[in-house]
Amino acid sequence: MTGMASPPNLGRMGAYLGLFLLGALAGLAGALVQGGWFPGGLALALLAIAGLCWGGVTLTRTRGGGVAPGVGWLVAVLLLTTSRPEGDFLFSAGLGSYAFMLGGMVVAVMCATLPKLPQPGGPSVRLGK
């Protein structure tokens, strides 16, 4: 095969889908927890998405493993911010809701972009070996 593209790895694609769904579940659970138990719930919700994104990077050994749960989290949170025709909504207009939404996005972006992944088959770091 020529070029940079390689055939899709079905195992990795399944892992991305599972991480996406887990991110959406973390977004749903975090939306409920952060409002119900304000300071502790907010910290727990942000730690959950951070752990999921970092775990995705570690599991798949690619940055896409951190992006997939972040995108799932974002989709779930954006869907939960819409109001219903009856006027009901899940997020209140308070500091906790804004901190959850903005903090979750920042945490997901940090986890997906900051880790330095090891290069496979790279030369040894030690000189003279």
N, C-alpha and C. Protein backbone atom coordinates (compact mmCIF):
# COMPACT_ATOMS: atom_id res chain seq x y z
N MET A 1 0.85 -1.17 0.00
CA MET A 1 0.00 0.00 0.00
C MET A 1 0.90 1.24 0.00
N THR A 2 0.55 2.21 -0.82
CA THR A 2 1.33 3.43 -0.88
C THR A 2 0.58 4.56 -0.20
N GLY A 3 1.30 5.59 0.15
CA GLY A 3 0.66 6.75 0.77
C GLY A 3 0.66 6.64 2.29
N MET A 4 0.11 7.66 2.91
CA MET A 4 0.09 7.74 4.36
C MET A 4 -1.10 7.01 4.97
N ALA A 5 -2.11 6.76 4.18
CA ALA A 5 -3.33 6.15 4.72
C ALA A 5 -3.12 4.65 4.92
N SER A 6 -3.70 4.16 5.98
CA SER A 6 -3.67 2.73 6.24
C SER A 6 -5.11 2.25 6.37
N PRO A 7 -5.34 0.97 6.21
CA PRO A 7 -6.71 0.49 6.32
C PRO A 7 -7.25 0.74 7.73
N PRO A 8 -8.53 1.01 7.86
CA PRO A 8 -9.09 1.29 9.18
C PRO A 8 -8.98 0.08 10.11
N ASN A 9 -8.64 0.35 11.32
CA ASN A 9 -8.52 -0.68 12.35
C ASN A 9 -9.86 -0.75 13.08
N LEU A 10 -10.58 -1.86 12.90
CA LEU A 10 -11.92 -1.96 13.47
C LEU A 10 -11.90 -1.96 15.00
N GLY A 11 -10.86 -2.52 15.59
CA GLY A 11 -10.76 -2.51 17.05
C GLY A 11 -10.62 -1.10 17.58
N ARG A 12 -9.79 -0.30 16.94
CA ARG A 12 -9.61 1.09 17.37
C ARG A 12 -10.87 1.90 17.14
N MET A 13 -11.55 1.66 16.02
CA MET A 13 -12.80 2.38 15.75
C MET A 13 -13.87 2.03 16.78
N GLY A 14 -13.90 0.77 17.20
CA GLY A 14 -14.82 0.37 18.26
C GLY A 14 -14.48 1.03 19.59
N ALA A 15 -13.18 1.15 19.85
CA ALA A 15 -12.75 1.83 21.08
C ALA A 15 -13.16 3.30 21.04
N TYR A 16 -13.02 3.95 19.89
CA TYR A 16 -13.43 5.35 19.76
C TYR A 16 -14.94 5.49 19.98
N LEU A 17 -15.71 4.58 19.41
CA LEU A 17 -17.16 4.63 19.59
C LEU A 17 -17.54 4.43 21.06
N GLY A 18 -16.90 3.45 21.70
CA GLY A 18 -17.16 3.23 23.13
C GLY A 18 -16.77 4.43 23.97
N LEU A 19 -15.63 5.05 23.65
CA LEU A 19 -15.21 6.24 24.39
C LEU A 19 -16.16 7.41 24.14
N PHE A 20 -16.67 7.52 22.92
CA PHE A 20 -17.65 8.56 22.61
C PHE A 20 -18.90 8.38 23.47
N LEU A 21 -19.39 7.15 23.54
CA LEU A 21 -20.59 6.87 24.35
C LEU A 21 -20.34 7.08 25.84
N LEU A 22 -19.16 6.69 26.32
CA LEU A 22 -18.82 6.93 27.71
C LEU A 22 -18.71 8.43 28.00
N GLY A 23 -18.20 9.20 27.04
CA GLY A 23 -18.15 10.65 27.20
C GLY A 23 -19.53 11.26 27.29
N ALA A 24 -20.45 10.77 26.45
CA ALA A 24 -21.83 11.25 26.51
C ALA A 24 -22.47 10.90 27.86
N LEU A 25 -22.20 9.71 28.35
CA LEU A 25 -22.72 9.30 29.66
C LEU A 25 -22.12 10.15 30.78
N ALA A 26 -20.83 10.46 30.68
CA ALA A 26 -20.19 11.32 31.68
C ALA A 26 -20.77 12.72 31.62
N GLY A 27 -21.11 13.21 30.44
CA GLY A 27 -21.75 14.52 30.32
C GLY A 27 -23.12 14.54 30.96
N LEU A 28 -23.90 13.49 30.74
CA LEU A 28 -25.23 13.40 31.34
C LEU A 28 -25.14 13.30 32.86
N ALA A 29 -24.29 12.42 33.35
CA ALA A 29 -24.13 12.26 34.80
C ALA A 29 -23.56 13.53 35.43
N GLY A 30 -22.60 14.15 34.77
CA GLY A 30 -22.01 15.37 35.30
C GLY A 30 -23.01 16.51 35.36
N ALA A 31 -23.89 16.59 34.38
CA ALA A 31 -24.91 17.64 34.38
C ALA A 31 -25.85 17.48 35.58
N LEU A 32 -26.13 16.27 35.94
CA LEU A 32 -27.01 16.03 37.09
C LEU A 32 -26.28 16.23 38.42
N VAL A 33 -25.04 15.79 38.49
CA VAL A 33 -24.29 15.83 39.74
C VAL A 33 -23.83 17.25 40.08
N GLN A 34 -23.39 18.01 39.08
CA GLN A 34 -22.85 19.33 39.37
C GLN A 34 -23.90 20.28 39.92
N GLY A 35 -25.13 20.11 39.53
CA GLY A 35 -26.20 20.97 40.05
C GLY A 35 -26.74 20.50 41.38
N GLY A 36 -26.70 19.20 41.62
CA GLY A 36 -27.28 18.65 42.84
C GLY A 36 -26.37 18.74 44.05
N TRP A 37 -25.10 18.77 43.83
CA TRP A 37 -24.14 18.78 44.95
C TRP A 37 -23.03 19.72 44.53
N PHE A 38 -23.26 21.03 44.66
CA PHE A 38 -22.49 22.05 43.94
C PHE A 38 -20.97 21.95 44.03
N PRO A 39 -20.32 22.23 45.10
CA PRO A 39 -18.87 22.27 44.93
C PRO A 39 -18.26 20.88 44.67
N GLY A 40 -18.72 19.88 45.41
CA GLY A 40 -18.18 18.54 45.24
C GLY A 40 -18.61 17.90 43.93
N GLY A 41 -19.84 18.13 43.54
CA GLY A 41 -20.36 17.55 42.31
C GLY A 41 -19.68 18.12 41.08
N LEU A 42 -19.38 19.42 41.12
CA LEU A 42 -18.68 20.04 40.00
C LEU A 42 -17.29 19.47 39.86
N ALA A 43 -16.59 19.34 40.97
CA ALA A 43 -15.23 18.77 40.93
C ALA A 43 -15.28 17.32 40.46
N LEU A 44 -16.25 16.56 40.93
CA LEU A 44 -16.39 15.16 40.52
C LEU A 44 -16.69 15.04 39.03
N ALA A 45 -17.56 15.91 38.52
CA ALA A 45 -17.91 15.87 37.10
C ALA A 45 -16.71 16.22 36.22
N LEU A 46 -15.94 17.22 36.63
CA LEU A 46 -14.77 17.60 35.84
C LEU A 46 -13.66 16.55 35.93
N LEU A 47 -13.52 15.93 37.09
CA LEU A 47 -12.54 14.85 37.22
C LEU A 47 -12.94 13.64 36.39
N ALA A 48 -14.24 13.40 36.27
CA ALA A 48 -14.72 12.26 35.47
C ALA A 48 -14.36 12.43 34.00
N ILE A 49 -14.60 13.62 33.44
CA ILE A 49 -14.28 13.80 32.03
C ILE A 49 -12.77 13.84 31.83
N ALA A 50 -12.03 14.38 32.78
CA ALA A 50 -10.56 14.39 32.66
C ALA A 50 -10.02 12.96 32.69
N GLY A 51 -10.51 12.15 33.60
CA GLY A 51 -10.06 10.76 33.68
C GLY A 51 -10.43 9.96 32.45
N LEU A 52 -11.61 10.23 31.92
CA LEU A 52 -12.05 9.50 30.73
C LEU A 52 -11.22 9.89 29.50
N CYS A 53 -10.94 11.17 29.35
CA CYS A 53 -10.12 11.60 28.21
C CYS A 53 -8.69 11.09 28.35
N TRP A 54 -8.12 11.19 29.54
CA TRP A 54 -6.76 10.69 29.74
C TRP A 54 -6.71 9.17 29.56
N GLY A 55 -7.72 8.49 30.06
CA GLY A 55 -7.78 7.03 29.88
C GLY A 55 -7.92 6.65 28.42
N GLY A 56 -8.66 7.45 27.65
CA GLY A 56 -8.79 7.18 26.22
C GLY A 56 -7.48 7.34 25.48
N VAL A 57 -6.71 8.37 25.86
CA VAL A 57 -5.39 8.56 25.26
C VAL A 57 -4.48 7.38 25.61
N THR A 58 -4.52 6.96 26.86
CA THR A 58 -3.68 5.86 27.31
C THR A 58 -4.10 4.54 26.66
N LEU A 59 -5.39 4.31 26.55
CA LEU A 59 -5.90 3.07 25.99
C LEU A 59 -5.55 2.93 24.51
N THR A 60 -5.83 3.96 23.73
CA THR A 60 -5.63 3.87 22.29
C THR A 60 -4.23 4.30 21.85
N ARG A 61 -3.51 4.97 22.72
CA ARG A 61 -2.16 5.49 22.44
C ARG A 61 -2.17 6.46 21.28
N THR A 62 -3.32 7.14 21.09
CA THR A 62 -3.44 8.19 20.09
C THR A 62 -4.18 9.36 20.72
N ARG A 63 -4.03 10.52 20.13
CA ARG A 63 -4.75 11.69 20.63
C ARG A 63 -6.24 11.58 20.36
N GLY A 64 -6.60 10.82 19.35
CA GLY A 64 -8.01 10.59 19.05
C GLY A 64 -8.75 9.91 20.20
N GLY A 65 -8.01 9.14 20.99
CA GLY A 65 -8.61 8.51 22.16
C GLY A 65 -9.02 9.51 23.22
N GLY A 66 -8.42 10.68 23.22
CA GLY A 66 -8.83 11.75 24.13
C GLY A 66 -9.89 12.64 23.53
N VAL A 67 -9.92 12.70 22.21
CA VAL A 67 -10.91 13.54 21.53
C VAL A 67 -12.29 12.88 21.55
N ALA A 68 -12.35 11.58 21.37
CA ALA A 68 -13.65 10.88 21.27
C ALA A 68 -14.53 11.08 22.50
N PRO A 69 -14.04 10.87 23.75
CA PRO A 69 -14.92 11.12 24.89
C PRO A 69 -15.22 12.60 25.06
N GLY A 70 -14.29 13.47 24.67
CA GLY A 70 -14.55 14.91 24.76
C GLY A 70 -15.68 15.33 23.84
N VAL A 71 -15.70 14.78 22.64
CA VAL A 71 -16.77 15.09 21.68
C VAL A 71 -18.10 14.51 22.18
N GLY A 72 -18.07 13.29 22.71
CA GLY A 72 -19.30 12.71 23.27
C GLY A 72 -19.83 13.54 24.42
N TRP A 73 -18.93 14.01 25.29
CA TRP A 73 -19.32 14.87 26.41
C TRP A 73 -19.94 16.16 25.90
N LEU A 74 -19.30 16.77 24.89
CA LEU A 74 -19.79 18.04 24.35
C LEU A 74 -21.16 17.88 23.71
N VAL A 75 -21.35 16.83 22.95
CA VAL A 75 -22.65 16.59 22.31
C VAL A 75 -23.74 16.43 23.36
N ALA A 76 -23.47 15.65 24.40
CA ALA A 76 -24.47 15.44 25.45
C ALA A 76 -24.79 16.74 26.18
N VAL A 77 -23.77 17.52 26.51
CA VAL A 77 -23.99 18.77 27.24
C VAL A 77 -24.75 19.77 26.37
N LEU A 78 -24.40 19.86 25.09
CA LEU A 78 -25.12 20.79 24.22
C LEU A 78 -26.58 20.38 24.04
N LEU A 79 -26.83 19.08 23.95
CA LEU A 79 -28.22 18.63 23.84
C LEU A 79 -29.00 18.89 25.14
N LEU A 80 -28.32 18.83 26.27
CA LEU A 80 -29.00 19.07 27.54
C LEU A 80 -29.23 20.55 27.83
N THR A 81 -28.54 21.45 27.13
CA THR A 81 -28.74 22.87 27.37
C THR A 81 -29.97 23.43 26.67
N THR A 82 -30.50 22.70 25.71
CA THR A 82 -31.69 23.19 25.01
C THR A 82 -32.89 23.09 25.93
N SER A 83 -33.77 24.07 25.80
CA SER A 83 -34.98 24.05 26.63
C SER A 83 -36.08 23.30 25.90
N ARG A 84 -37.00 22.79 26.68
CA ARG A 84 -38.14 22.06 26.11
C ARG A 84 -39.27 23.03 25.84
N PRO A 85 -40.28 22.62 25.05
CA PRO A 85 -41.40 23.52 24.76
C PRO A 85 -42.15 23.96 26.03
N GLU A 86 -42.10 23.14 27.07
CA GLU A 86 -42.77 23.50 28.31
C GLU A 86 -42.00 24.56 29.09
N GLY A 87 -40.78 24.84 28.67
CA GLY A 87 -39.96 25.82 29.36
C GLY A 87 -39.00 25.21 30.36
N ASP A 88 -38.99 23.88 30.47
CA ASP A 88 -38.08 23.23 31.40
C ASP A 88 -36.67 23.19 30.81
N PHE A 89 -35.70 23.21 31.69
CA PHE A 89 -34.32 23.07 31.25
C PHE A 89 -33.53 22.43 32.38
N LEU A 90 -32.40 21.86 32.04
CA LEU A 90 -31.59 21.14 33.02
C LEU A 90 -30.57 22.03 33.70
N PHE A 91 -29.97 22.95 32.95
CA PHE A 91 -28.95 23.82 33.51
C PHE A 91 -29.56 25.14 33.97
N SER A 92 -29.17 25.57 35.14
CA SER A 92 -29.59 26.89 35.60
C SER A 92 -28.56 27.90 35.15
N ALA A 93 -28.90 29.18 35.26
CA ALA A 93 -27.97 30.24 34.84
C ALA A 93 -27.10 30.64 36.02
N GLY A 94 -26.34 29.69 36.54
CA GLY A 94 -25.49 29.98 37.69
C GLY A 94 -24.03 29.70 37.40
N LEU A 95 -23.20 30.02 38.35
CA LEU A 95 -21.76 29.85 38.22
C LEU A 95 -21.38 28.38 38.03
N GLY A 96 -22.05 27.48 38.73
CA GLY A 96 -21.73 26.06 38.62
C GLY A 96 -21.96 25.51 37.22
N SER A 97 -23.05 25.89 36.58
CA SER A 97 -23.35 25.41 35.23
C SER A 97 -22.33 25.92 34.22
N TYR A 98 -22.00 27.19 34.33
CA TYR A 98 -21.01 27.75 33.41
C TYR A 98 -19.63 27.14 33.65
N ALA A 99 -19.28 26.94 34.90
CA ALA A 99 -17.99 26.32 35.21
C ALA A 99 -17.94 24.88 34.69
N PHE A 100 -19.06 24.17 34.77
CA PHE A 100 -19.12 22.80 34.25
C PHE A 100 -18.94 22.78 32.74
N MET A 101 -19.68 23.64 32.04
CA MET A 101 -19.61 23.64 30.58
C MET A 101 -18.25 24.11 30.08
N LEU A 102 -17.78 25.23 30.57
CA LEU A 102 -16.49 25.74 30.10
C LEU A 102 -15.33 24.91 30.64
N GLY A 103 -15.40 24.51 31.89
CA GLY A 103 -14.35 23.70 32.48
C GLY A 103 -14.23 22.34 31.82
N GLY A 104 -15.35 21.75 31.48
CA GLY A 104 -15.32 20.46 30.79
C GLY A 104 -14.69 20.55 29.42
N MET A 105 -15.00 21.63 28.70
CA MET A 105 -14.39 21.81 27.39
C MET A 105 -12.88 22.02 27.51
N VAL A 106 -12.47 22.81 28.49
CA VAL A 106 -11.04 23.06 28.69
C VAL A 106 -10.32 21.77 29.08
N VAL A 107 -10.91 21.01 29.98
CA VAL A 107 -10.30 19.76 30.43
C VAL A 107 -10.18 18.77 29.27
N ALA A 108 -11.22 18.66 28.46
CA ALA A 108 -11.18 17.72 27.33
C ALA A 108 -10.12 18.14 26.31
N VAL A 109 -10.01 19.42 26.03
CA VAL A 109 -9.00 19.89 25.08
C VAL A 109 -7.61 19.68 25.64
N MET A 110 -7.42 19.95 26.93
CA MET A 110 -6.11 19.75 27.54
C MET A 110 -5.69 18.28 27.49
N CYS A 111 -6.60 17.40 27.83
CA CYS A 111 -6.27 15.97 27.84
C CYS A 111 -6.00 15.45 26.43
N ALA A 112 -6.66 16.02 25.44
CA ALA A 112 -6.49 15.54 24.07
C ALA A 112 -5.25 16.12 23.40
N THR A 113 -4.72 17.24 23.91
CA THR A 113 -3.61 17.87 23.22
C THR A 113 -2.30 17.87 24.01
N LEU A 114 -2.34 17.77 25.31
CA LEU A 114 -1.11 17.88 26.09
C LEU A 114 -0.26 16.63 26.20
N PRO A 115 -0.82 15.43 26.27
CA PRO A 115 0.06 14.29 26.53
C PRO A 115 1.05 14.06 25.41
N LYS A 116 2.25 13.75 25.80
CA LYS A 116 3.28 13.41 24.83
C LYS A 116 3.31 11.89 24.71
N LEU A 117 2.87 11.40 23.59
CA LEU A 117 2.78 9.97 23.38
C LEU A 117 4.13 9.41 22.97
N PRO A 118 4.50 8.24 23.46
CA PRO A 118 5.77 7.65 23.06
C PRO A 118 5.73 7.22 21.59
N GLN A 119 6.82 7.42 20.92
CA GLN A 119 6.92 7.03 19.51
C GLN A 119 7.29 5.56 19.41
N PRO A 120 6.55 4.77 18.66
CA PRO A 120 6.89 3.35 18.54
C PRO A 120 8.17 3.15 17.73
N GLY A 121 9.00 2.27 18.23
CA GLY A 121 10.21 1.91 17.51
C GLY A 121 11.25 3.00 17.44
N GLY A 122 11.17 3.97 18.35
CA GLY A 122 12.13 5.06 18.35
C GLY A 122 13.48 4.61 18.89
N PRO A 123 14.52 5.39 18.63
CA PRO A 123 15.85 5.03 19.12
C PRO A 123 15.91 5.18 20.63
N SER A 124 16.87 4.49 21.21
CA SER A 124 17.05 4.55 22.65
C SER A 124 17.51 5.94 23.05
N VAL A 125 17.09 6.39 24.22
CA VAL A 125 17.45 7.69 24.72
C VAL A 125 18.90 7.71 25.20
N ARG A 126 19.38 6.59 25.65
CA ARG A 126 20.73 6.52 26.21
C ARG A 126 21.77 6.59 25.09
N LEU A 127 22.77 7.37 25.34
CA LEU A 127 23.84 7.51 24.35
C LEU A 127 24.77 6.31 24.43
N GLY A 128 25.30 5.92 23.33
CA GLY A 128 26.25 4.84 23.29
C GLY A 128 25.64 3.46 23.36
N LYS A 129 24.37 3.34 23.23
CA LYS A 129 23.71 2.02 23.29
C LYS A 129 23.25 1.64 21.90
